[in-house]
Amino acid sequence: MSWIEQDEEATKNLPPVISVISINKQAMESVRNLNANITFGASSLTRVQEEAIATAVSATNRCRY
């Protein structure tokens, strides 16, 4: 949980990096959609393959997101 005011119900299943803007619903939805479109679905890889690559890169970079 961040120190920034959040809408707990609206952010239940979101990563913290997106949930911190939950008090601005339009901005949160825009960032969430942008993230989904950039991160997943723009390649011939399956979602599982994309997630595996993202996990490996995050682990290599010691990034918890």
C-alpha atoms as a PDB file:
ATOM      1  CA  MET A   1       0.000   0.000   0.000  1.00  0.00           C
ATOM      2  CA  SER A   2       1.292   3.402  -0.897  1.00  0.00           C
ATOM      3  CA  TRP A   3       1.012   6.575   1.146  1.00  0.00           C
ATOM      4  CA  ILE A   4      -1.090   8.058  -1.667  1.00  0.00           C
ATOM      5  CA  GLU A   5      -4.866   7.856  -1.193  1.00  0.00           C
ATOM      6  CA  GLN A   6      -6.280   4.907  -3.161  1.00  0.00           C
ATOM      7  CA  ASP A   7      -9.649   3.411  -3.927  1.00  0.00           C
ATOM      8  CA  GLU A   8      -9.041  -0.024  -2.383  1.00  0.00           C
ATOM      9  CA  GLU A   9     -11.998  -1.738  -4.093  1.00  0.00           C
ATOM     10  CA  ALA A  10     -11.092  -0.437  -7.553  1.00  0.00           C
ATOM     11  CA  THR A  11      -7.442  -1.471  -7.205  1.00  0.00           C
ATOM     12  CA  LYS A  12      -7.869  -4.933  -5.722  1.00  0.00           C
ATOM     13  CA  ASN A  13      -6.277  -6.770  -8.688  1.00  0.00           C
ATOM     14  CA  LEU A  14      -3.976  -4.077 -10.032  1.00  0.00           C
ATOM     15  CA  PRO A  15      -0.228  -3.719  -9.652  1.00  0.00           C
ATOM     16  CA  PRO A  16       0.823  -0.944  -7.252  1.00  0.00           C
ATOM     17  CA  VAL A  17       2.418   1.081 -10.038  1.00  0.00           C
ATOM     18  CA  ILE A  18      -1.048   1.565 -11.588  1.00  0.00           C
ATOM     19  CA  SER A  19      -3.167   1.575  -8.422  1.00  0.00           C
ATOM     20  CA  VAL A  20      -1.518   4.754  -7.100  1.00  0.00           C
ATOM     21  CA  ILE A  21      -3.553   6.767  -9.604  1.00  0.00           C
ATOM     22  CA  SER A  22      -6.874   5.179  -8.608  1.00  0.00           C
ATOM     23  CA  ILE A  23      -8.338   8.432  -7.343  1.00  0.00           C
ATOM     24  CA  ASN A  24      -8.390   9.552 -10.996  1.00  0.00           C
ATOM     25  CA  LYS A  25     -10.438   6.743 -12.571  1.00  0.00           C
ATOM     26  CA  GLN A  26     -10.044   7.976 -16.150  1.00  0.00           C
ATOM     27  CA  ALA A  27      -6.253   8.200 -15.833  1.00  0.00           C
ATOM     28  CA  MET A  28      -6.060   4.777 -14.166  1.00  0.00           C
ATOM     29  CA  GLU A  29      -8.091   3.135 -16.953  1.00  0.00           C
ATOM     30  CA  SER A  30      -6.016   4.876 -19.621  1.00  0.00           C
ATOM     31  CA  VAL A  31      -2.724   3.734 -18.085  1.00  0.00           C
ATOM     32  CA  ARG A  32      -4.072   0.218 -17.595  1.00  0.00           C
ATOM     33  CA  ASN A  33      -5.228  -0.005 -21.222  1.00  0.00           C
ATOM     34  CA  LEU A  34      -1.980   1.471 -22.515  1.00  0.00           C
ATOM     35  CA  ASN A  35       0.016  -1.012 -20.459  1.00  0.00           C
ATOM     36  CA  ALA A  36      -2.073  -3.953 -21.685  1.00  0.00           C
ATOM     37  CA  ASN A  37      -1.779  -2.896 -25.325  1.00  0.00           C
ATOM     38  CA  ILE A  38       1.951  -2.243 -25.195  1.00  0.00           C
ATOM     39  CA  THR A  39       2.915  -5.196 -23.049  1.00  0.00           C
ATOM     40  CA  PHE A  40       0.652  -7.941 -24.355  1.00  0.00           C
ATOM     41  CA  GLY A  41      -1.058  -8.740 -27.619  1.00  0.00           C
ATOM     42  CA  ALA A  42       1.182  -6.933 -30.084  1.00  0.00           C
ATOM     43  CA  SER A  43       3.183 -10.003 -31.072  1.00  0.00           C
ATOM     44  CA  SER A  44       2.751 -13.569 -32.268  1.00  0.00           C
ATOM     45  CA  LEU A  45       3.756 -14.867 -28.829  1.00  0.00           C
ATOM     46  CA  THR A  46       1.125 -16.276 -26.488  1.00  0.00           C
ATOM     47  CA  ARG A  47       0.261 -14.442 -23.282  1.00  0.00           C
ATOM     48  CA  VAL A  48       2.063 -17.159 -21.295  1.00  0.00           C
ATOM     49  CA  GLN A  49       5.224 -16.710 -23.374  1.00  0.00           C
ATOM     50  CA  GLU A  50       5.078 -12.918 -22.981  1.00  0.00           C
ATOM     51  CA  GLU A  51       4.579 -13.266 -19.208  1.00  0.00           C
ATOM     52  CA  ALA A  52       7.532 -15.676 -18.989  1.00  0.00           C
ATOM     53  CA  ILE A  53       9.790 -13.231 -20.832  1.00  0.00           C
ATOM     54  CA  ALA A  54       8.590 -10.322 -18.676  1.00  0.00           C
ATOM     55  CA  THR A  55       9.250 -12.349 -15.528  1.00  0.00           C
ATOM     56  CA  ALA A  56      12.755 -13.304 -16.665  1.00  0.00           C
ATOM     57  CA  VAL A  57      13.625  -9.705 -17.564  1.00  0.00           C
ATOM     58  CA  SER A  58      12.235  -8.402 -14.267  1.00  0.00           C
ATOM     59  CA  ALA A  59      14.186 -11.002 -12.291  1.00  0.00           C
ATOM     60  CA  THR A  60      17.380 -10.176 -14.186  1.00  0.00           C
ATOM     61  CA  ASN A  61      16.863  -6.476 -13.478  1.00  0.00           C
ATOM     62  CA  ARG A  62      15.898  -7.222  -9.865  1.00  0.00           C
ATOM     63  CA  CYS A  63      12.618  -5.417 -10.436  1.00  0.00           C
ATOM     64  CA  ARG A  64       9.642  -6.522  -8.339  1.00  0.00           C
ATOM     65  CA  TYR A  65       7.121  -5.306 -10.919  1.00  0.00           C
END
